[in-house]
Amino acid sequence: MMRSTAKVATDKAARYLSQLTKHFAHRLPATLDGRHEGRIELPFGVCALAAETGTLHLSVEAENVMDLTRMEKVIADHLVRFMFREPPGEVAWSWA
């Protein structure tokens, strides 16, 4: 498995974690553990989320580079859409 991570600075980390998880849960396996951890399973990879004060942590895993890049794009695009009230930012991924 290949993995990449990102940290997104936001005062609403728990809110966005919940929003992302619930959004994907309409069609895919997604779980929310309280307000601080979540998991989203897409057909081509998995995203783990964790919220702490001031930061939303994202970790995506996939079998190959193409799917990993696709996971990064899908999760980042949705997150940026949900964060429309905040200054626009970029989700910077680091490959592990």
PDB file of N, CA and C in Angstrom:
ATOM      1  N   MET A   1       0.838  -1.188   0.000  1.00  0.00           N
ATOM      2  CA  MET A   1       0.000   0.000   0.000  1.00  0.00           C
ATOM      3  C   MET A   1       0.881   1.248   0.000  1.00  0.00           C
ATOM      4  N   MET A   2       0.416   2.245  -0.697  1.00  0.00           N
ATOM      5  CA  MET A   2       1.091   3.543  -0.720  1.00  0.00           C
ATOM      6  C   MET A   2       0.262   4.497   0.134  1.00  0.00           C
ATOM      7  N   ARG A   3       0.952   5.478   0.731  1.00  0.00           N
ATOM      8  CA  ARG A   3       0.231   6.373   1.631  1.00  0.00           C
ATOM      9  C   ARG A   3       0.750   7.795   1.489  1.00  0.00           C
ATOM     10  N   SER A   4      -0.163   8.752   1.668  1.00  0.00           N
ATOM     11  CA  SER A   4       0.228  10.152   1.765  1.00  0.00           C
ATOM     12  C   SER A   4      -0.614  10.811   2.848  1.00  0.00           C
ATOM     13  N   THR A   5      -0.080  11.895   3.399  1.00  0.00           N
ATOM     14  CA  THR A   5      -0.750  12.582   4.498  1.00  0.00           C
ATOM     15  C   THR A   5      -0.787  14.078   4.226  1.00  0.00           C
ATOM     16  N   ALA A   6      -1.712  14.737   4.897  1.00  0.00           N
ATOM     17  CA  ALA A   6      -1.814  16.194   4.820  1.00  0.00           C
ATOM     18  C   ALA A   6      -2.351  16.717   6.144  1.00  0.00           C
ATOM     19  N   LYS A   7      -1.904  17.909   6.496  1.00  0.00           N
ATOM     20  CA  LYS A   7      -2.419  18.612   7.666  1.00  0.00           C
ATOM     21  C   LYS A   7      -3.029  19.905   7.171  1.00  0.00           C
ATOM     22  N   VAL A   8      -4.279  20.156   7.575  1.00  0.00           N
ATOM     23  CA  VAL A   8      -4.985  21.353   7.142  1.00  0.00           C
ATOM     24  C   VAL A   8      -5.287  22.196   8.372  1.00  0.00           C
ATOM     25  N   ALA A   9      -4.762  23.400   8.390  1.00  0.00           N
ATOM     26  CA  ALA A   9      -4.997  24.306   9.512  1.00  0.00           C
ATOM     27  C   ALA A   9      -6.402  24.883   9.413  1.00  0.00           C
ATOM     28  N   THR A  10      -7.201  24.647  10.454  1.00  0.00           N
ATOM     29  CA  THR A  10      -8.557  25.173  10.512  1.00  0.00           C
ATOM     30  C   THR A  10      -9.070  25.098  11.944  1.00  0.00           C
ATOM     31  N   ASP A  11      -9.829  26.098  12.337  1.00  0.00           N
ATOM     32  CA  ASP A  11     -10.449  26.080  13.661  1.00  0.00           C
ATOM     33  C   ASP A  11     -11.687  25.195  13.691  1.00  0.00           C
ATOM     34  N   LYS A  12     -12.078  24.677  12.540  1.00  0.00           N
ATOM     35  CA  LYS A  12     -13.286  23.850  12.444  1.00  0.00           C
ATOM     36  C   LYS A  12     -12.955  22.428  12.011  1.00  0.00           C
ATOM     37  N   ALA A  13     -11.861  21.883  12.496  1.00  0.00           N
ATOM     38  CA  ALA A  13     -11.412  20.551  12.090  1.00  0.00           C
ATOM     39  C   ALA A  13     -12.477  19.482  12.338  1.00  0.00           C
ATOM     40  N   ALA A  14     -13.070  19.470  13.511  1.00  0.00           N
ATOM     41  CA  ALA A  14     -14.074  18.453  13.834  1.00  0.00           C
ATOM     42  C   ALA A  14     -15.298  18.581  12.932  1.00  0.00           C
ATOM     43  N   ARG A  15     -15.672  19.804  12.623  1.00  0.00           N
ATOM     44  CA  ARG A  15     -16.828  20.037  11.756  1.00  0.00           C
ATOM     45  C   ARG A  15     -16.580  19.478  10.358  1.00  0.00           C
ATOM     46  N   TYR A  16     -15.411  19.768   9.787  1.00  0.00           N
ATOM     47  CA  TYR A  16     -15.112  19.294   8.438  1.00  0.00           C
ATOM     48  C   TYR A  16     -14.924  17.781   8.403  1.00  0.00           C
ATOM     49  N   LEU A  17     -14.347  17.217   9.444  1.00  0.00           N
ATOM     50  CA  LEU A  17     -14.221  15.765   9.540  1.00  0.00           C
ATOM     51  C   LEU A  17     -15.607  15.131   9.488  1.00  0.00           C
ATOM     52  N   SER A  18     -16.513  15.656  10.270  1.00  0.00           N
ATOM     53  CA  SER A  18     -17.878  15.144  10.310  1.00  0.00           C
ATOM     54  C   SER A  18     -18.577  15.318   8.956  1.00  0.00           C
ATOM     55  N   GLN A  19     -18.419  16.487   8.356  1.00  0.00           N
ATOM     56  CA  GLN A  19     -19.044  16.768   7.068  1.00  0.00           C
ATOM     57  C   GLN A  19     -18.548  15.818   5.977  1.00  0.00           C
ATOM     58  N   LEU A  20     -17.245  15.645   5.904  1.00  0.00           N
ATOM     59  CA  LEU A  20     -16.676  14.744   4.896  1.00  0.00           C
ATOM     60  C   LEU A  20     -17.172  13.317   5.087  1.00  0.00           C
ATOM     61  N   THR A  21     -17.108  12.847   6.312  1.00  0.00           N
ATOM     62  CA  THR A  21     -17.507  11.469   6.593  1.00  0.00           C
ATOM     63  C   THR A  21     -18.979  11.243   6.280  1.00  0.00           C
ATOM     64  N   LYS A  22     -19.818  12.142   6.727  1.00  0.00           N
ATOM     65  CA  LYS A  22     -21.260  12.000   6.478  1.00  0.00           C
ATOM     66  C   LYS A  22     -21.590  12.111   4.991  1.00  0.00           C
ATOM     67  N   HIS A  23     -20.884  12.985   4.291  1.00  0.00           N
ATOM     68  CA  HIS A  23     -21.115  13.146   2.851  1.00  0.00           C
ATOM     69  C   HIS A  23     -20.873  11.830   2.111  1.00  0.00           C
ATOM     70  N   PHE A  24     -19.740  11.208   2.379  1.00  0.00           N
ATOM     71  CA  PHE A  24     -19.408   9.968   1.686  1.00  0.00           C
ATOM     72  C   PHE A  24     -20.240   8.790   2.190  1.00  0.00           C
ATOM     73  N   ALA A  25     -20.732   8.856   3.408  1.00  0.00           N
ATOM     74  CA  ALA A  25     -21.507   7.749   3.989  1.00  0.00           C
ATOM     75  C   ALA A  25     -22.826   7.508   3.256  1.00  0.00           C
ATOM     76  N   HIS A  26     -23.269   8.458   2.460  1.00  0.00           N
ATOM     77  CA  HIS A  26     -24.509   8.261   1.706  1.00  0.00           C
ATOM     78  C   HIS A  26     -24.375   7.164   0.658  1.00  0.00           C
ATOM     79  N   ARG A  27     -23.140   6.913   0.193  1.00  0.00           N
ATOM     80  CA  ARG A  27     -22.959   5.919  -0.872  1.00  0.00           C
ATOM     81  C   ARG A  27     -21.848   4.909  -0.610  1.00  0.00           C
ATOM     82  N   LEU A  28     -20.994   5.182   0.371  1.00  0.00           N
ATOM     83  CA  LEU A  28     -19.816   4.350   0.598  1.00  0.00           C
ATOM     84  C   LEU A  28     -19.668   4.026   2.076  1.00  0.00           C
ATOM     85  N   PRO A  29     -18.900   3.003   2.408  1.00  0.00           N
ATOM     86  CA  PRO A  29     -18.631   2.739   3.825  1.00  0.00           C
ATOM     87  C   PRO A  29     -17.822   3.905   4.421  1.00  0.00           C
ATOM     88  N   ALA A  30     -18.369   4.506   5.440  1.00  0.00           N
ATOM     89  CA  ALA A  30     -17.697   5.611   6.130  1.00  0.00           C
ATOM     90  C   ALA A  30     -18.125   5.576   7.592  1.00  0.00           C
ATOM     91  N   THR A  31     -17.161   5.782   8.477  1.00  0.00           N
ATOM     92  CA  THR A  31     -17.460   5.747   9.904  1.00  0.00           C
ATOM     93  C   THR A  31     -16.943   7.008  10.571  1.00  0.00           C
ATOM     94  N   LEU A  32     -17.625   7.388  11.625  1.00  0.00           N
ATOM     95  CA  LEU A  32     -17.253   8.554  12.412  1.00  0.00           C
ATOM     96  C   LEU A  32     -17.196   8.119  13.864  1.00  0.00           C
ATOM     97  N   ASP A  33     -16.038   8.278  14.487  1.00  0.00           N
ATOM     98  CA  ASP A  33     -15.831   7.888  15.880  1.00  0.00           C
ATOM     99  C   ASP A  33     -15.863   9.156  16.727  1.00  0.00           C
ATOM    100  N   GLY A  34     -17.030   9.444  17.278  1.00  0.00           N
ATOM    101  CA  GLY A  34     -17.180  10.686  18.030  1.00  0.00           C
ATOM    102  C   GLY A  34     -17.032  11.868  17.093  1.00  0.00           C
ATOM    103  N   ARG A  35     -16.263  12.875  17.519  1.00  0.00           N
ATOM    104  CA  ARG A  35     -16.042  14.053  16.673  1.00  0.00           C
ATOM    105  C   ARG A  35     -14.584  14.185  16.262  1.00  0.00           C
ATOM    106  N   HIS A  36     -13.770  13.185  16.563  1.00  0.00           N
ATOM    107  CA  HIS A  36     -12.343  13.375  16.358  1.00  0.00           C
ATOM    108  C   HIS A  36     -11.664  12.396  15.404  1.00  0.00           C
ATOM    109  N   GLU A  37     -12.353  11.350  14.968  1.00  0.00           N
ATOM    110  CA  GLU A  37     -11.752  10.399  14.034  1.00  0.00           C
ATOM    111  C   GLU A  37     -12.796   9.902  13.048  1.00  0.00           C
ATOM    112  N   GLY A  38     -12.349   9.647  11.829  1.00  0.00           N
ATOM    113  CA  GLY A  38     -13.247   9.135  10.805  1.00  0.00           C
ATOM    114  C   GLY A  38     -12.489   8.297   9.797  1.00  0.00           C
ATOM    115  N   ARG A  39     -13.243   7.568   8.998  1.00  0.00           N
ATOM    116  CA  ARG A  39     -12.650   6.701   7.971  1.00  0.00           C
ATOM    117  C   ARG A  39     -13.627   6.649   6.799  1.00  0.00           C
ATOM    118  N   ILE A  40     -13.078   6.801   5.607  1.00  0.00           N
ATOM    119  CA  ILE A  40     -13.879   6.760   4.380  1.00  0.00           C
ATOM    120  C   ILE A  40     -13.249   5.733   3.451  1.00  0.00           C
ATOM    121  N   GLU A  41     -14.061   4.784   2.970  1.00  0.00           N
ATOM    122  CA  GLU A  41     -13.565   3.734   2.084  1.00  0.00           C
ATOM    123  C   GLU A  41     -14.131   3.938   0.687  1.00  0.00           C
ATOM    124  N   LEU A  42     -13.264   4.335  -0.222  1.00  0.00           N
ATOM    125  CA  LEU A  42     -13.640   4.462  -1.620  1.00  0.00           C
ATOM    126  C   LEU A  42     -13.218   3.197  -2.345  1.00  0.00           C
ATOM    127  N   PRO A  43     -13.745   2.922  -3.533  1.00  0.00           N
ATOM    128  CA  PRO A  43     -13.375   1.696  -4.249  1.00  0.00           C
ATOM    129  C   PRO A  43     -11.884   1.605  -4.575  1.00  0.00           C
ATOM    130  N   PHE A  44     -11.196   2.736  -4.608  1.00  0.00           N
ATOM    131  CA  PHE A  44      -9.793   2.742  -4.999  1.00  0.00           C
ATOM    132  C   PHE A  44      -8.848   3.146  -3.875  1.00  0.00           C
ATOM    133  N   GLY A  45      -9.351   3.263  -2.644  1.00  0.00           N
ATOM    134  CA  GLY A  45      -8.485   3.596  -1.523  1.00  0.00           C
ATOM    135  C   GLY A  45      -9.260   3.948  -0.268  1.00  0.00           C
ATOM    136  N   VAL A  46      -8.504   4.278   0.778  1.00  0.00           N
ATOM    137  CA  VAL A  46      -9.084   4.570   2.089  1.00  0.00           C
ATOM    138  C   VAL A  46      -8.523   5.891   2.601  1.00  0.00           C
ATOM    139  N   CYS A  47      -9.370   6.649   3.279  1.00  0.00           N
ATOM    140  CA  CYS A  47      -8.940   7.892   3.908  1.00  0.00           C
ATOM    141  C   CYS A  47      -9.245   7.822   5.397  1.00  0.00           C
ATOM    142  N   ALA A  48      -8.233   8.077   6.218  1.00  0.00           N
ATOM    143  CA  ALA A  48      -8.416   8.198   7.668  1.00  0.00           C
ATOM    144  C   ALA A  48      -8.298   9.673   8.009  1.00  0.00           C
ATOM    145  N   LEU A  49      -9.185  10.148   8.889  1.00  0.00           N
ATOM    146  CA  LEU A  49      -9.212  11.547   9.274  1.00  0.00           C
ATOM    147  C   LEU A  49      -9.130  11.659  10.782  1.00  0.00           C
ATOM    148  N   ALA A  50      -8.488  12.702  11.264  1.00  0.00           N
ATOM    149  CA  ALA A  50      -8.423  12.960  12.698  1.00  0.00           C
ATOM    150  C   ALA A  50      -8.444  14.472  12.905  1.00  0.00           C
ATOM    151  N   ALA A  51      -9.215  14.899  13.890  1.00  0.00           N
ATOM    152  CA  ALA A  51      -9.325  16.326  14.193  1.00  0.00           C
ATOM    153  C   ALA A  51      -8.718  16.604  15.559  1.00  0.00           C
ATOM    154  N   GLU A  52      -7.930  17.649  15.608  1.00  0.00           N
ATOM    155  CA  GLU A  52      -7.440  18.156  16.885  1.00  0.00           C
ATOM    156  C   GLU A  52      -7.579  19.673  16.817  1.00  0.00           C
ATOM    157  N   THR A  53      -7.394  20.337  17.902  1.00  0.00           N
ATOM    158  CA  THR A  53      -7.560  21.775  17.939  1.00  0.00           C
ATOM    159  C   THR A  53      -6.675  22.438  16.881  1.00  0.00           C
ATOM    160  N   GLY A  54      -7.302  23.089  15.932  1.00  0.00           N
ATOM    161  CA  GLY A  54      -6.585  23.845  14.918  1.00  0.00           C
ATOM    162  C   GLY A  54      -6.085  23.076  13.714  1.00  0.00           C
ATOM    163  N   THR A  55      -6.254  21.745  13.692  1.00  0.00           N
ATOM    164  CA  THR A  55      -5.712  20.962  12.576  1.00  0.00           C
ATOM    165  C   THR A  55      -6.601  19.768  12.232  1.00  0.00           C
ATOM    166  N   LEU A  56      -6.809  19.576  10.935  1.00  0.00           N
ATOM    167  CA  LEU A  56      -7.456  18.373  10.424  1.00  0.00           C
ATOM    168  C   LEU A  56      -6.364  17.540   9.762  1.00  0.00           C
ATOM    169  N   HIS A  57      -6.181  16.313  10.233  1.00  0.00           N
ATOM    170  CA  HIS A  57      -5.176  15.400   9.695  1.00  0.00           C
ATOM    171  C   HIS A  57      -5.847  14.449   8.710  1.00  0.00           C
ATOM    172  N   LEU A  58      -5.255  14.295   7.546  1.00  0.00           N
ATOM    173  CA  LEU A  58      -5.767  13.401   6.512  1.00  0.00           C
ATOM    174  C   LEU A  58      -4.684  12.399   6.152  1.00  0.00           C
ATOM    175  N   SER A  59      -5.070  11.155   5.977  1.00  0.00           N
ATOM    176  CA  SER A  59      -4.135  10.122   5.546  1.00  0.00           C
ATOM    177  C   SER A  59      -4.865   9.250   4.530  1.00  0.00           C
ATOM    178  N   VAL A  60      -4.326   9.164   3.313  1.00  0.00           N
ATOM    179  CA  VAL A  60      -4.953   8.341   2.285  1.00  0.00           C
ATOM    180  C   VAL A  60      -4.026   7.194   1.910  1.00  0.00           C
ATOM    181  N   GLU A  61      -4.621   6.046   1.614  1.00  0.00           N
ATOM    182  CA  GLU A  61      -3.871   4.861   1.210  1.00  0.00           C
ATOM    183  C   GLU A  61      -4.503   4.266  -0.039  1.00  0.00           C
ATOM    184  N   ALA A  62      -3.645   3.742  -0.913  1.00  0.00           N
ATOM    185  CA  ALA A  62      -4.112   3.088  -2.135  1.00  0.00           C
ATOM    186  C   ALA A  62      -3.049   2.103  -2.602  1.00  0.00           C
ATOM    187  N   GLU A  63      -3.429   1.253  -3.538  1.00  0.00           N
ATOM    188  CA  GLU A  63      -2.533   0.205  -4.034  1.00  0.00           C
ATOM    189  C   GLU A  63      -1.451   0.719  -4.977  1.00  0.00           C
ATOM    190  N   ASN A  64      -1.714   1.815  -5.690  1.00  0.00           N
ATOM    191  CA  ASN A  64      -0.747   2.294  -6.684  1.00  0.00           C
ATOM    192  C   ASN A  64      -0.765   3.823  -6.751  1.00  0.00           C
ATOM    193  N   VAL A  65       0.186   4.370  -7.480  1.00  0.00           N
ATOM    194  CA  VAL A  65       0.339   5.829  -7.570  1.00  0.00           C
ATOM    195  C   VAL A  65      -0.898   6.486  -8.170  1.00  0.00           C
ATOM    196  N   MET A  66      -1.446   5.901  -9.207  1.00  0.00           N
ATOM    197  CA  MET A  66      -2.625   6.481  -9.853  1.00  0.00           C
ATOM    198  C   MET A  66      -3.798   6.582  -8.882  1.00  0.00           C
ATOM    199  N   ASP A  67      -4.060   5.515  -8.144  1.00  0.00           N
ATOM    200  CA  ASP A  67      -5.169   5.533  -7.187  1.00  0.00           C
ATOM    201  C   ASP A  67      -4.869   6.454  -6.007  1.00  0.00           C
ATOM    202  N   LEU A  68      -3.622   6.512  -5.578  1.00  0.00           N
ATOM    203  CA  LEU A  68      -3.261   7.406  -4.475  1.00  0.00           C
ATOM    204  C   LEU A  68      -3.487   8.861  -4.883  1.00  0.00           C
ATOM    205  N   THR A  69      -3.058   9.208  -6.069  1.00  0.00           N
ATOM    206  CA  THR A  69      -3.265  10.563  -6.576  1.00  0.00           C
ATOM    207  C   THR A  69      -4.753  10.870  -6.707  1.00  0.00           C
ATOM    208  N   ARG A  70      -5.511   9.899  -7.142  1.00  0.00           N
ATOM    209  CA  ARG A  70      -6.967  10.066  -7.258  1.00  0.00           C
ATOM    210  C   ARG A  70      -7.603  10.272  -5.885  1.00  0.00           C
ATOM    211  N   MET A  71      -7.164   9.500  -4.889  1.00  0.00           N
ATOM    212  CA  MET A  71      -7.667   9.670  -3.511  1.00  0.00           C
ATOM    213  C   MET A  71      -7.379  11.084  -3.010  1.00  0.00           C
ATOM    214  N   GLU A  72      -6.144  11.525  -3.197  1.00  0.00           N
ATOM    215  CA  GLU A  72      -5.770  12.874  -2.754  1.00  0.00           C
ATOM    216  C   GLU A  72      -6.693  13.916  -3.381  1.00  0.00           C
ATOM    217  N   LYS A  73      -6.933  13.804  -4.670  1.00  0.00           N
ATOM    218  CA  LYS A  73      -7.759  14.781  -5.375  1.00  0.00           C
ATOM    219  C   LYS A  73      -9.207  14.754  -4.894  1.00  0.00           C
ATOM    220  N   VAL A  74      -9.774  13.576  -4.770  1.00  0.00           N
ATOM    221  CA  VAL A  74     -11.181  13.466  -4.348  1.00  0.00           C
ATOM    222  C   VAL A  74     -11.374  14.060  -2.948  1.00  0.00           C
ATOM    223  N   ILE A  75     -10.521  13.667  -2.012  1.00  0.00           N
ATOM    224  CA  ILE A  75     -10.663  14.153  -0.639  1.00  0.00           C
ATOM    225  C   ILE A  75     -10.405  15.656  -0.575  1.00  0.00           C
ATOM    226  N   ALA A  76      -9.336  16.130  -1.213  1.00  0.00           N
ATOM    227  CA  ALA A  76      -9.002  17.560  -1.181  1.00  0.00           C
ATOM    228  C   ALA A  76     -10.091  18.401  -1.842  1.00  0.00           C
ATOM    229  N   ASP A  77     -10.598  17.972  -2.984  1.00  0.00           N
ATOM    230  CA  ASP A  77     -11.646  18.738  -3.672  1.00  0.00           C
ATOM    231  C   ASP A  77     -12.889  18.884  -2.808  1.00  0.00           C
ATOM    232  N   HIS A  78     -13.298  17.800  -2.162  1.00  0.00           N
ATOM    233  CA  HIS A  78     -14.479  17.874  -1.296  1.00  0.00           C
ATOM    234  C   HIS A  78     -14.216  18.774  -0.096  1.00  0.00           C
ATOM    235  N   LEU A  79     -13.058  18.633   0.524  1.00  0.00           N
ATOM    236  CA  LEU A  79     -12.736  19.448   1.686  1.00  0.00           C
ATOM    237  C   LEU A  79     -12.717  20.933   1.330  1.00  0.00           C
ATOM    238  N   VAL A  80     -12.068  21.289   0.243  1.00  0.00           N
ATOM    239  CA  VAL A  80     -12.011  22.696  -0.168  1.00  0.00           C
ATOM    240  C   VAL A  80     -13.420  23.229  -0.430  1.00  0.00           C
ATOM    241  N   ARG A  81     -14.268  22.426  -1.011  1.00  0.00           N
ATOM    242  CA  ARG A  81     -15.653  22.832  -1.243  1.00  0.00           C
ATOM    243  C   ARG A  81     -16.386  23.104   0.075  1.00  0.00           C
ATOM    244  N   PHE A  82     -16.167  22.252   1.081  1.00  0.00           N
ATOM    245  CA  PHE A  82     -16.816  22.435   2.374  1.00  0.00           C
ATOM    246  C   PHE A  82     -16.255  23.639   3.130  1.00  0.00           C
ATOM    247  N   MET A  83     -15.027  24.008   2.841  1.00  0.00           N
ATOM    248  CA  MET A  83     -14.359  25.109   3.548  1.00  0.00           C
ATOM    249  C   MET A  83     -14.550  26.449   2.837  1.00  0.00           C
ATOM    250  N   PHE A  84     -15.599  26.601   2.054  1.00  0.00           N
ATOM    251  CA  PHE A  84     -15.760  27.790   1.222  1.00  0.00           C
ATOM    252  C   PHE A  84     -15.834  29.095   2.008  1.00  0.00           C
ATOM    253  N   ARG A  85     -16.160  29.053   3.290  1.00  0.00           N
ATOM    254  CA  ARG A  85     -16.246  30.271   4.095  1.00  0.00           C
ATOM    255  C   ARG A  85     -14.876  30.732   4.610  1.00  0.00           C
ATOM    256  N   GLU A  86     -13.901  29.859   4.521  1.00  0.00           N
ATOM    257  CA  GLU A  86     -12.557  30.190   4.990  1.00  0.00           C
ATOM    258  C   GLU A  86     -11.719  30.661   3.807  1.00  0.00           C
ATOM    259  N   PRO A  87     -10.617  31.335   4.082  1.00  0.00           N
ATOM    260  CA  PRO A  87      -9.737  31.738   2.973  1.00  0.00           C
ATOM    261  C   PRO A  87      -9.310  30.507   2.176  1.00  0.00           C
ATOM    262  N   PRO A  88      -9.286  30.652   0.857  1.00  0.00           N
ATOM    263  CA  PRO A  88      -8.922  29.480   0.049  1.00  0.00           C
ATOM    264  C   PRO A  88      -7.518  29.007   0.384  1.00  0.00           C
ATOM    265  N   GLY A  89      -7.384  27.732   0.441  1.00  0.00           N
ATOM    266  CA  GLY A  89      -6.086  27.143   0.750  1.00  0.00           C
ATOM    267  C   GLY A  89      -5.854  25.920  -0.094  1.00  0.00           C
ATOM    268  N   GLU A  90      -4.678  25.394   0.024  1.00  0.00           N
ATOM    269  CA  GLU A  90      -4.315  24.203  -0.715  1.00  0.00           C
ATOM    270  C   GLU A  90      -4.076  23.074   0.276  1.00  0.00           C
ATOM    271  N   VAL A  91      -4.498  21.895  -0.089  1.00  0.00           N
ATOM    272  CA  VAL A  91      -4.214  20.719   0.718  1.00  0.00           C
ATOM    273  C   VAL A  91      -2.910  20.143   0.170  1.00  0.00           C
ATOM    274  N   ALA A  92      -1.840  20.270   0.943  1.00  0.00           N
ATOM    275  CA  ALA A  92      -0.512  19.815   0.508  1.00  0.00           C
ATOM    276  C   ALA A  92      -0.247  18.413   1.038  1.00  0.00           C
ATOM    277  N   TRP A  93      -0.136  17.463   0.137  1.00  0.00           N
ATOM    278  CA  TRP A  93       0.070  16.068   0.492  1.00  0.00           C
ATOM    279  C   TRP A  93       1.561  15.745   0.554  1.00  0.00           C
ATOM    280  N   SER A  94       1.926  14.896   1.490  1.00  0.00           N
ATOM    281  CA  SER A  94       3.303  14.382   1.620  1.00  0.00           C
ATOM    282  C   SER A  94       3.240  12.873   1.519  1.00  0.00           C
ATOM    283  N   TRP A  95       4.016  12.306   0.623  1.00  0.00           N
ATOM    284  CA  TRP A  95       4.012  10.854   0.447  1.00  0.00           C
ATOM    285  C   TRP A  95       4.896  10.207   1.506  1.00  0.00           C
ATOM    286  N   ALA A  96       4.357   9.162   2.088  1.00  0.00           N
ATOM    287  CA  ALA A  96       5.088   8.451   3.138  1.00  0.00           C
ATOM    288  C   ALA A  96       5.670   7.168   2.592  1.00  0.00           C
TER     289      ALA A  96
END
